[in-house]
Protein backbone atom coordinates (compact mmCIF):
# COMPACT_ATOMS: atom_id res chain seq x y z
CA UNK A 1 93.65 108.84 185.69
CA UNK A 2 90.10 108.11 184.59
CA UNK A 3 87.34 107.34 187.01
CA UNK A 4 87.21 104.03 185.77
CA UNK A 5 90.83 103.29 186.42
CA UNK A 6 90.73 104.66 189.77
CA UNK A 7 87.77 102.54 190.82
CA UNK A 8 89.40 99.41 189.39
CA UNK A 9 92.64 100.20 191.16
CA UNK A 10 90.67 100.63 194.38
CA UNK A 11 88.64 97.49 193.89
CA UNK A 12 91.86 95.61 192.88
CA UNK A 13 93.73 96.42 196.17
CA UNK A 14 90.79 95.87 198.29
CA UNK A 15 90.12 92.40 196.90
CA UNK A 16 93.74 91.51 196.80
CA UNK A 17 94.21 92.33 200.53
CA UNK A 18 91.04 90.44 201.48
CA UNK A 19 92.40 87.45 199.67
CA UNK A 20 95.52 87.30 201.56
CA UNK A 21 96.02 83.88 202.82
CA UNK A 22 94.06 82.01 200.10
CA UNK A 23 95.93 79.57 198.00
CA UNK A 24 95.38 79.68 194.34
CA UNK A 25 97.31 76.40 193.90
CA UNK A 26 95.26 74.44 196.14
CA UNK A 27 91.67 75.81 195.49
CA UNK A 28 89.45 73.35 193.85
CA UNK A 29 87.65 74.65 190.70
CA UNK A 30 83.93 73.48 190.18
CA UNK A 31 84.88 71.96 186.80
CA UNK A 32 87.69 69.29 186.99
CA UNK A 33 89.43 68.79 183.66
CA UNK A 34 90.98 65.63 184.83
CA UNK A 35 87.43 63.97 185.22
CA UNK A 36 86.76 64.55 181.48
CA UNK A 37 87.11 61.04 179.69
CA UNK A 38 86.79 59.63 176.15
CA UNK A 39 88.38 60.34 172.82
CA UNK A 40 89.30 63.94 171.92
CA UNK A 41 86.67 65.49 169.67
CA UNK A 42 86.44 69.18 168.53
CA UNK A 43 82.63 68.99 168.72
CA UNK A 44 82.48 67.86 172.31
CA UNK A 45 81.00 71.25 173.22
CA UNK A 46 78.65 71.75 170.13
CA UNK A 47 75.96 74.15 170.66
CA UNK A 48 77.50 76.19 173.33
CA UNK A 49 78.28 79.97 173.30
CA UNK A 50 81.37 81.40 174.79
CA UNK A 51 82.33 85.04 175.34
CA UNK A 52 85.82 85.93 174.57
CA UNK A 53 87.31 89.42 175.77
CA UNK A 54 90.50 90.62 173.89
CA UNK A 55 92.64 93.65 174.09
CA UNK A 56 92.87 95.79 170.75
CA UNK A 57 95.97 94.17 169.24
CA UNK A 58 97.04 92.60 166.04
CA UNK A 59 96.37 89.19 167.49
CA UNK A 60 92.73 90.15 167.93
CA UNK A 61 92.50 91.36 164.39
CA UNK A 62 93.96 88.08 163.04
CA UNK A 63 91.23 86.11 164.87
CA UNK A 64 88.21 87.80 163.70
CA UNK A 65 88.22 86.63 160.09
CA UNK A 66 88.98 83.02 161.19
CA UNK A 67 86.11 82.71 163.75
CA UNK A 68 83.82 80.97 161.05
CA UNK A 69 86.31 78.32 160.76
CA UNK A 70 86.36 77.69 164.57
CA UNK A 71 82.52 77.51 164.68
CA UNK A 72 82.40 75.21 161.74
CA UNK A 73 84.90 72.91 163.39
CA UNK A 74 83.24 72.78 166.78
CA UNK A 75 79.85 73.95 166.81
CA UNK A 76 80.65 76.66 169.31
CA UNK A 77 79.71 80.21 168.74
CA UNK A 78 81.94 83.01 169.68
CA UNK A 79 80.81 86.41 171.00
CA UNK A 80 83.84 88.58 170.65
CA UNK A 81 84.47 91.79 172.78
CA UNK A 82 87.57 93.83 171.71
CA UNK A 83 88.54 97.09 173.80
CA UNK A 84 91.34 99.57 173.82
CA UNK A 85 94.10 98.48 176.20
CA UNK A 86 93.42 101.01 178.90
CA UNK A 87 89.78 100.38 178.86
CA UNK A 88 90.37 96.55 178.57
CA UNK A 89 92.72 96.21 181.62
CA UNK A 90 90.49 98.18 183.96
CA UNK A 91 87.23 96.54 182.85
CA UNK A 92 88.86 93.09 183.23
CA UNK A 93 89.59 93.73 186.85
CA UNK A 94 85.89 94.57 187.48
CA UNK A 95 84.72 91.61 185.24
CA UNK A 96 86.94 89.03 186.92
CA UNK A 97 86.35 90.27 190.45
CA UNK A 98 82.69 90.13 190.07
CA UNK A 99 82.87 86.30 189.78
CA UNK A 100 79.81 86.48 187.48
CA UNK A 101 81.56 84.18 184.80
CA UNK A 102 80.22 86.36 181.85
CA UNK A 103 83.58 86.11 180.04
CA UNK A 104 84.91 82.64 179.40
CA UNK A 105 88.33 83.40 177.79
CA UNK A 106 90.34 86.53 178.02
CA UNK A 107 93.69 88.09 176.97
CA UNK A 108 96.45 88.62 179.53
CA UNK A 109 99.96 88.94 180.08
CA UNK A 110 102.26 87.80 183.05
CA UNK A 111 102.21 91.31 185.10
CA UNK A 112 98.20 91.20 184.96
CA UNK A 113 98.05 87.47 185.51
CA UNK A 114 100.01 87.74 189.03
CA UNK A 115 97.30 89.88 190.26
CA UNK A 116 94.52 87.71 188.83
CA UNK A 117 96.04 84.49 190.39
CA UNK A 118 96.20 86.33 193.74
CA UNK A 119 92.41 87.22 193.23
CA UNK A 120 91.65 83.46 192.51
CA UNK A 121 90.21 84.64 189.24
CA UNK A 122 92.04 82.67 186.49
CA UNK A 123 91.85 78.82 185.98
CA UNK A 124 95.03 76.66 186.03
CA UNK A 125 95.46 75.06 182.74
CA UNK A 126 97.64 72.06 183.59
CA UNK A 127 94.82 69.53 183.92
CA UNK A 128 93.47 70.55 180.34
CA UNK A 129 96.93 70.08 178.96
CA UNK A 130 97.62 66.64 180.45
CA UNK A 131 94.20 65.16 179.47
CA UNK A 132 94.16 63.60 176.01
CA UNK A 133 90.27 63.78 176.10
CA UNK A 134 90.49 67.64 176.07
CA UNK A 135 93.73 68.33 174.20
CA UNK A 136 94.30 66.78 170.69
CA UNK A 137 97.58 64.92 169.84
CA UNK A 138 98.65 67.36 167.39
CA UNK A 139 98.60 70.29 169.64
CA UNK A 140 102.32 69.61 170.84
CA UNK A 141 102.70 71.67 174.02
CA UNK A 142 106.64 71.19 173.65
CA UNK A 143 106.67 73.09 170.37
CA UNK A 144 106.42 76.31 172.38
CA UNK A 145 109.57 78.04 173.41
CA UNK A 146 110.16 77.08 176.98
CA UNK A 147 111.00 80.41 178.35
CA UNK A 148 107.71 81.76 176.72
CA UNK A 149 105.60 79.12 178.42
CA UNK A 150 107.64 79.84 181.76
CA UNK A 151 106.64 83.49 181.66
CA UNK A 152 102.89 82.51 182.23
CA UNK A 153 103.62 79.97 184.98
CA UNK A 154 103.76 80.99 188.76
CA UNK A 155 103.31 79.17 192.03
CA UNK A 156 101.38 82.16 193.47
CA UNK A 157 103.98 83.12 196.00
CA UNK A 158 105.80 86.49 195.85
CA UNK A 159 109.47 86.55 195.03
CA UNK A 160 111.82 86.41 192.03
CA UNK A 161 112.78 82.72 192.37
CA UNK A 162 109.04 81.61 192.11
CA UNK A 163 108.67 82.86 188.56
CA UNK A 164 108.38 79.80 186.18
CA UNK A 165 107.35 77.56 188.85
CA UNK A 166 103.79 76.12 189.69
CA UNK A 167 100.64 76.19 187.53
CA UNK A 168 100.30 77.21 183.79
CA UNK A 169 97.82 80.05 183.88
CA UNK A 170 97.85 81.08 180.18
CA UNK A 171 98.92 79.89 176.74
CA UNK A 172 101.16 82.54 174.87
CA UNK A 173 100.03 83.86 171.42
CA UNK A 174 102.93 86.42 170.83
CA UNK A 175 106.20 87.39 172.40
CA UNK A 176 108.30 90.45 172.53
CA UNK A 177 111.92 90.79 173.83
CA UNK A 178 114.07 93.77 174.00
CA UNK A 179 117.08 94.26 171.58
CA UNK A 180 119.15 97.18 170.21
CA UNK A 181 118.20 98.58 166.77
CA UNK A 182 120.84 101.13 165.52
CA UNK A 183 121.88 103.12 162.54
CA UNK A 184 124.19 100.90 160.67
CA UNK A 185 125.23 103.61 158.32
CA UNK A 186 126.06 106.12 161.30
CA UNK A 187 128.00 103.43 163.15
CA UNK A 188 130.15 102.82 160.07
CA UNK A 189 130.75 106.55 159.57
CA UNK A 190 132.21 106.76 163.06
CA UNK A 191 133.86 103.21 162.99
CA UNK A 192 131.62 102.14 165.89
CA UNK A 193 130.55 98.54 166.89
CA UNK A 194 127.43 97.75 168.67
CA UNK A 195 127.86 98.25 172.39
CA UNK A 196 128.68 95.19 174.44
CA UNK A 197 128.54 96.70 177.81
CA UNK A 198 126.44 99.66 179.39
CA UNK A 199 129.43 101.87 179.60
CA UNK A 200 129.89 101.38 175.71
CA UNK A 201 125.92 101.79 175.53
CA UNK A 202 126.54 105.36 176.81
CA UNK A 203 129.73 106.02 174.59
CA UNK A 204 127.76 104.79 171.54
CA UNK A 205 124.87 107.06 172.22
CA UNK A 206 127.17 109.91 172.69
CA UNK A 207 129.05 109.41 169.53
CA UNK A 208 125.61 109.15 167.67
CA UNK A 209 124.60 112.58 169.08
CA UNK A 210 125.36 115.69 166.88
CA UNK A 211 124.19 118.54 164.97
CA UNK A 212 123.88 117.90 161.37
CA UNK A 213 123.33 121.20 159.62
CA UNK A 214 120.08 122.45 161.07
CA UNK A 215 118.82 119.09 162.17
CA UNK A 216 119.69 117.73 165.56
CA UNK A 217 120.42 114.19 165.56
CA UNK A 218 120.07 112.16 168.77
CA UNK A 219 121.88 108.95 169.97
CA UNK A 220 118.98 107.20 171.54
CA UNK A 221 115.17 107.27 171.98
CA UNK A 222 113.19 105.42 174.66
CA UNK A 223 110.02 105.30 176.63
CA UNK A 224 109.68 107.86 179.31
CA UNK A 225 106.21 108.14 180.76
CA UNK A 226 105.86 107.78 184.51
CA UNK A 227 104.19 104.39 184.19
CA UNK A 228 105.31 100.74 184.47
CA UNK A 229 106.12 100.19 180.84
CA UNK A 230 109.15 102.69 181.18
CA UNK A 231 110.59 100.20 183.78
CA UNK A 232 109.46 96.93 182.12
CA UNK A 233 111.23 97.02 178.82
CA UNK A 234 114.92 97.57 178.13
CA UNK A 235 115.64 99.18 181.48
CA UNK A 236 114.78 96.40 183.75
CA UNK A 237 116.91 93.86 181.61
CA UNK A 238 119.84 96.05 181.90
CA UNK A 239 119.22 96.51 185.64
CA UNK A 240 119.24 92.78 186.14
CA UNK A 241 122.31 92.28 184.08
CA UNK A 242 124.18 94.91 186.17
CA UNK A 243 123.34 92.96 189.44
CA UNK A 244 120.34 95.02 190.44
CA UNK A 245 116.57 94.10 190.91
CA UNK A 246 113.33 95.35 192.23
CA UNK A 247 113.04 93.11 195.38
CA UNK A 248 115.19 90.77 197.41
CA UNK A 249 114.32 87.28 198.55
CA UNK A 250 112.52 88.86 201.53
CA UNK A 251 110.42 91.20 199.27
CA UNK A 252 112.30 94.27 200.47
CA UNK A 253 112.70 96.70 197.65
CA UNK A 254 116.11 97.03 196.31
CA UNK A 255 115.73 99.60 193.61
CA UNK A 256 118.02 102.07 195.79
CA UNK A 257 120.77 99.50 196.48
CA UNK A 258 124.44 100.43 195.18
CA UNK A 259 124.23 98.36 192.13
CA UNK A 260 120.80 99.55 191.01
CA UNK A 261 121.78 103.28 191.58
CA UNK A 262 124.86 102.90 189.59
CA UNK A 263 122.92 101.36 186.58
CA UNK A 264 120.11 103.85 186.89
CA UNK A 265 122.44 106.78 187.06
CA UNK A 266 124.26 105.49 183.88
CA UNK A 267 120.93 104.86 182.16
CA UNK A 268 119.57 108.35 182.88
CA UNK A 269 122.67 110.03 181.88
CA UNK A 270 122.37 108.17 178.64
CA UNK A 271 118.81 109.43 178.02
CA UNK A 272 119.22 112.94 179.33
CA UNK A 273 122.49 113.82 177.32
CA UNK A 274 121.62 111.69 174.23
CA UNK A 275 117.70 111.70 174.00
CA UNK A 276 114.88 113.80 173.06
CA UNK A 277 113.77 116.65 175.12
CA UNK A 278 110.21 115.04 175.03
CA UNK A 279 111.49 111.92 176.90
CA UNK A 280 108.93 112.25 179.87
CA UNK A 281 106.11 112.13 177.62
CA UNK A 282 107.40 109.32 175.26
CA UNK A 283 105.07 106.42 174.95
CA UNK A 284 106.15 103.13 172.95
CA UNK A 285 104.43 104.66 169.73
CA UNK A 286 106.29 108.14 170.23
CA UNK A 287 109.73 106.31 170.60
CA UNK A 288 109.02 104.20 167.72
CA UNK A 289 107.87 106.99 165.35
CA UNK A 290 110.97 108.94 166.47
CA UNK A 291 113.39 106.30 165.54
CA UNK A 292 111.59 105.91 162.09
CA UNK A 293 111.94 109.61 161.51
CA UNK A 294 115.77 108.96 160.86
CA UNK A 295 116.87 111.34 163.49
CA UNK A 296 117.79 109.03 166.29
CA UNK A 297 120.80 106.54 166.16
CA UNK A 298 119.46 103.76 168.62
CA UNK A 299 116.51 102.51 170.39
CA UNK A 300 116.41 99.68 172.95
CA UNK A 301 112.71 98.42 172.90
CA UNK A 302 110.56 95.74 171.63
CA UNK A 303 112.18 93.51 168.87
CA UNK A 304 109.46 93.28 166.45
CA UNK A 305 109.13 96.88 165.86
CA UNK A 306 111.49 96.04 163.22
CA UNK A 307 108.60 95.44 160.98
CA UNK A 308 107.82 99.17 161.14
CA UNK A 309 111.45 100.28 161.03
CA UNK A 310 111.90 98.29 157.86
CA UNK A 311 108.89 99.58 156.04
CA UNK A 312 110.11 101.78 153.34
CA UNK A 313 106.59 103.40 152.91
CA UNK A 314 106.56 104.66 156.49
CA UNK A 315 110.09 104.75 157.77
CA UNK A 316 113.16 106.80 156.68
CA UNK A 317 115.47 104.17 158.21
CA UNK A 318 114.25 101.08 156.18
CA UNK A 319 117.45 99.23 155.01
CA UNK A 320 119.86 101.30 157.09
CA UNK A 321 119.81 99.40 160.32
CA UNK A 322 121.50 96.53 162.19
CA UNK A 323 120.24 94.60 165.35
CA UNK A 324 122.10 93.51 168.46
CA UNK A 325 121.56 91.95 171.69
CA UNK A 326 121.24 93.92 174.74
CA UNK A 327 124.65 94.92 176.46
CA UNK A 328 126.07 92.78 179.27
CA UNK A 329 126.41 93.84 182.96
CA UNK A 330 129.89 94.31 184.28
CA UNK A 331 130.51 90.58 185.05
CA UNK A 332 129.32 89.44 181.53
CA UNK A 333 125.69 88.62 182.61
CA UNK A 334 123.16 89.26 179.97
CA UNK A 335 119.42 89.46 180.62
CA UNK A 336 116.47 90.57 178.33
CA UNK A 337 113.13 90.87 179.76
CA UNK A 338 110.04 89.81 177.66
CA UNK A 339 106.38 90.36 177.32
CA UNK A 340 103.94 87.92 176.04
CA UNK A 341 100.18 88.33 175.24
CA UNK A 342 98.40 85.05 176.15
CA UNK A 343 95.02 83.46 176.36
CA UNK A 344 93.47 82.40 179.79
CA UNK A 345 90.35 80.86 181.18
CA UNK A 346 88.06 82.74 183.80
CA UNK A 347 87.97 80.78 186.88
CA UNK A 348 84.17 81.50 187.24
CA UNK A 349 83.39 80.68 183.50
CA UNK A 350 80.48 78.43 182.89
CA UNK A 351 81.76 76.77 179.55
CA UNK A 352 85.18 75.45 180.60
CA UNK A 353 85.41 72.73 177.86
CA UNK A 354 84.19 75.01 175.06
CA UNK A 355 86.63 77.82 176.40
CA UNK A 356 89.57 75.38 176.24
CA UNK A 357 88.88 74.23 172.73
CA UNK A 358 88.94 77.87 171.74
CA UNK A 359 92.25 78.41 173.43
CA UNK A 360 93.65 75.20 171.99
CA UNK A 361 92.42 76.39 168.34
CA UNK A 362 93.59 79.90 168.72
CA UNK A 363 97.20 78.68 169.96
CA UNK A 364 97.68 75.98 167.49
CA UNK A 365 100.48 75.87 165.09
CA UNK A 366 98.28 76.81 162.08
CA UNK A 367 96.40 79.69 163.77
CA UNK A 368 99.60 81.01 165.20
CA UNK A 369 101.47 81.13 161.92
CA UNK A 370 98.51 83.20 160.34
CA UNK A 371 98.65 85.38 163.37
CA UNK A 372 102.39 85.88 163.22
CA UNK A 373 102.47 86.63 159.61
CA UNK A 374 99.62 89.15 159.87
CA UNK A 375 100.78 90.90 162.79
CA UNK A 376 104.70 90.83 161.87
CA UNK A 377 105.58 89.76 165.28
CA UNK A 378 107.86 86.75 166.86
CA UNK A 379 106.26 83.27 166.82
CA UNK A 380 105.88 81.51 170.22
CA UNK A 381 106.14 78.03 168.64
CA UNK A 382 109.33 76.79 167.22
CA UNK A 383 107.63 75.22 164.18
CA UNK A 384 106.20 78.50 163.30
CA UNK A 385 109.62 80.25 163.92
CA UNK A 386 111.17 77.89 161.55
CA UNK A 387 108.48 77.94 158.88
CA UNK A 388 109.56 79.09 155.38
CA UNK A 389 107.06 81.81 155.11
CA UNK A 390 107.92 83.38 158.50
CA UNK A 391 111.61 83.04 157.57
CA UNK A 392 110.97 84.91 154.32
CA UNK A 393 109.09 87.62 156.04
CA UNK A 394 112.00 88.15 158.62
CA UNK A 395 114.65 87.95 155.94
CA UNK A 396 113.53 91.42 154.94
CA UNK A 397 114.80 92.77 158.13
CA UNK A 398 118.57 92.38 158.06
CA UNK A 399 120.16 90.60 160.77
CA UNK A 400 117.03 90.67 162.83
CA UNK A 401 116.18 87.01 163.02
CA UNK A 402 119.44 85.65 164.20
CA UNK A 403 119.72 88.26 166.83
CA UNK A 404 116.19 87.59 168.28
CA UNK A 405 116.58 83.65 168.02
CA UNK A 406 119.76 83.92 170.21
CA UNK A 407 117.74 86.25 172.45
CA UNK A 408 114.81 83.84 172.84
CA UNK A 409 117.02 80.80 173.28
CA UNK A 410 119.53 82.01 175.69
CA UNK A 411 118.78 85.35 177.45
CA UNK A 412 115.07 86.04 177.87
CA UNK A 413 113.07 85.69 181.11
CA UNK A 414 110.70 88.01 183.05
CA UNK A 415 113.23 90.34 184.98
CA UNK A 416 110.42 91.68 187.42
CA UNK A 417 109.54 89.90 190.66
CA UNK A 418 106.19 88.37 190.66
CA UNK A 419 103.75 90.22 192.86
CA UNK A 420 100.31 91.32 192.70
CA UNK A 421 100.83 95.08 192.92
CA UNK A 422 102.96 95.27 190.10
CA UNK A 423 101.29 98.14 188.27
CA UNK A 424 101.37 100.53 191.21
CA UNK A 425 105.09 99.57 191.85
CA UNK A 426 106.01 100.14 188.28
CA UNK A 427 104.24 103.42 188.28
CA UNK A 428 105.97 104.79 191.22
CA UNK A 429 109.39 103.53 190.13
CA UNK A 430 108.98 105.08 186.80
CA UNK A 431 108.19 108.60 188.21
CA UNK A 432 111.44 108.53 190.08
CA UNK A 433 113.27 108.02 186.66
CA UNK A 434 111.32 111.13 185.55
CA UNK A 435 112.70 112.96 188.82
CA UNK A 436 116.33 111.88 187.86
CA UNK A 437 116.03 113.03 184.29
CA UNK A 438 114.82 116.34 185.62
CA UNK A 439 117.94 116.81 187.89
CA UNK A 440 116.98 114.99 191.02
CA UNK A 441 119.85 112.98 192.89
CA UNK A 442 119.63 109.40 191.85
CA UNK A 443 120.10 108.01 195.25
CA UNK A 444 117.68 110.37 196.76
CA UNK A 445 115.01 109.88 194.24
CA UNK A 446 115.29 106.10 194.36
CA UNK A 447 115.52 106.06 198.15
CA UNK A 448 112.02 107.94 198.39
CA UNK A 449 110.50 105.58 195.70
CA UNK A 450 111.57 102.39 197.56
CA UNK A 451 109.96 103.93 200.73
CA UNK A 452 106.79 104.34 198.84
CA UNK A 453 106.93 100.71 197.16
CA UNK A 454 107.46 99.45 200.51
CA UNK A 455 104.11 100.74 201.59
CA UNK A 456 102.35 99.55 198.41
CA UNK A 457 103.32 96.00 198.93
CA UNK A 458 102.95 96.06 202.83
CA UNK A 459 100.19 93.47 203.76
CA UNK A 460 100.41 91.37 200.81
CA UNK A 461 100.89 87.70 201.28
CA UNK A 462 104.53 86.59 200.65
């Protein structure tokens, strides 16, 4: 862990504990969006300069060539700072916690936002969205998929039931849910159908695992680092579908409850028997590249990785795949977690009107269409999802569109409990999966992790 990350984590924990008892919902910002009056005008903040901080991502790349258009429309200059993801997350903690307001707009996602809200560092956006003097008539908030907007809404209280409640803290720019991609040709050879339960998930991976001449073929690949993304993708959706979770309503850790142990045991058995020997060092990029190599039968990860899988110039599986919804739990419950990058306003920012105009422009239908086409990811607006150009792009990916559309409409939601120590909890939990993969007893490994997690969240405001 870098010195910057260690310092950021220490500062994070100290500031959050010192903020216990503060209420982000009731705190009154210096700028009151509801007090702004008059007709909507894009040039309302002409002459101002805002600073925008973004994580290195295709969305950031899509914005850069469009910035002159924004400045021409609004008269607002944009100073853009783009950092690699690890550096970005750490520096944003330092920046936001300083209260200096040197950044006006920043990129975030639900898990980070939970901590920022607890620190009182992020501006609630409801007053902006509801004020016709600040939000133009063609913005159409209802055009966003409801589940994706809900992922960026929280009432500031720890607990699974509090997700999707309270203030809107950020506006989404992209979304990923988690689906199965599998070798359609291999499945046909063995007369296999896509797994509909997690028991079938294991059987499917086993049937795909075999020696083919001198080449070993694996049934599955997945993320495996001892960090929170290993938990937050396909694994957590499967755990929720199977009756498990991370915390109960009293914020007691439940990763070692019977349903959680049963699911984790089956998941890790599937990975250990049918996955790569390098699993514990697999990042998302490693897993994606492994699947594209043609030696793996299945991957349960980010849906829009399909753009890479189906690229014949880089992938050996292009045109050989099918896509399926995640398996269901024993009682038929089906959950798929999601992640969304989004744009938020710094609570301490000094140019709130100009900053909101930037967010409004960057998350408008035309701009999100450009970004979705450039980045090959799922649109967050229904109008963009149904756009003919976007449909034509997705049509190249087999049955991808119909599977993802059903997932977004019916099954996706944040499957982790909102709480400010998310990263530390997820990292410890992921290490327990690595221990199980290496031969530790699942119940013992999860018991020990749950005990540590209880200590991590101790002292946080419910």
